[in-house]
Amino acid sequence: MRESLKSQRAEVKQVEKEITKLEAKKAKADAKAAEEAKKAEAEAVLKKLLASGMSADEILEKLK
């Protein structure tokens, strides 16, 4: 019985380790997705400003 309990504890520890790895991987993927969304939004705003007649130099000046 003790061996079975020991085996189960080892298995739980292994599963917890895998969960920790997966959570870290998900956090990294979430951060990357958020960064890509920000980039897409910035590109959309830039295109809108350029389409409205603002020059690239004017846009850069506003960013300063």
Protein backbone atom coordinates (compact mmCIF):
# COMPACT_ATOMS: atom_id res chain seq x y z
CA MET A 1 0.00 0.00 0.00
CA ARG A 2 2.83 2.39 0.79
CA GLU A 3 4.38 1.74 -2.60
CA SER A 4 1.09 2.56 -4.28
CA LEU A 5 0.78 5.81 -2.34
CA LYS A 6 4.39 6.67 -3.16
CA SER A 7 3.73 5.96 -6.82
CA GLN A 8 0.61 8.13 -6.81
CA ARG A 9 2.47 11.00 -5.18
CA ALA A 10 5.20 10.77 -7.80
CA GLU A 11 2.57 10.79 -10.53
CA VAL A 12 0.84 13.83 -9.01
CA LYS A 13 4.17 15.63 -8.80
CA GLN A 14 4.84 14.85 -12.46
CA VAL A 15 1.38 16.10 -13.48
CA GLU A 16 1.86 19.30 -11.47
CA LYS A 17 5.20 19.85 -13.19
CA GLU A 18 3.55 19.44 -16.60
CA ILE A 19 0.75 21.84 -15.62
CA THR A 20 3.34 24.44 -14.61
CA LYS A 21 5.07 24.06 -17.99
CA LEU A 22 1.79 24.40 -19.87
CA GLU A 23 0.75 27.46 -17.86
CA ALA A 24 4.07 29.14 -18.67
CA LYS A 25 3.65 28.26 -22.34
CA LYS A 26 0.11 29.69 -22.33
CA ALA A 27 1.25 32.91 -20.63
CA LYS A 28 3.94 33.34 -23.27
CA ALA A 29 1.44 32.72 -26.09
CA ASP A 30 -1.04 35.16 -24.51
CA ALA A 31 1.64 37.84 -24.27
CA LYS A 32 2.61 37.29 -27.89
CA ALA A 33 -1.03 37.49 -29.02
CA ALA A 34 -1.53 40.73 -27.06
CA GLU A 35 1.58 42.23 -28.63
CA GLU A 36 0.41 41.22 -32.12
CA ALA A 37 -3.01 42.78 -31.43
CA LYS A 38 -1.33 46.05 -30.37
CA LYS A 39 0.78 46.01 -33.50
CA ALA A 40 -2.26 45.43 -35.72
CA GLU A 41 -4.12 48.26 -33.99
CA ALA A 42 -1.16 50.63 -34.43
CA GLU A 43 -0.92 49.71 -38.11
CA ALA A 44 -4.66 50.36 -38.56
CA VAL A 45 -4.37 53.79 -36.92
CA LEU A 46 -1.33 54.61 -39.05
CA LYS A 47 -3.16 53.61 -42.25
CA LYS A 48 -6.17 55.70 -41.21
CA LEU A 49 -3.99 58.76 -40.56
CA LEU A 50 -2.17 58.35 -43.87
CA ALA A 51 -5.48 57.90 -45.68
CA SER A 52 -6.79 61.11 -44.09
CA GLY A 53 -3.94 63.03 -45.70
CA MET A 54 -1.50 63.26 -42.82
CA SER A 55 2.11 62.79 -43.91
CA ALA A 56 4.47 60.31 -42.34
CA ASP A 57 6.56 63.23 -41.04
CA GLU A 58 3.51 64.77 -39.36
CA ILE A 59 2.68 61.46 -37.74
CA LEU A 60 6.24 61.06 -36.48
CA GLU A 61 6.18 64.59 -35.09
CA LYS A 62 2.98 63.81 -33.14
CA LEU A 63 4.61 60.70 -31.67
CA LYS A 64 7.44 62.73 -30.11
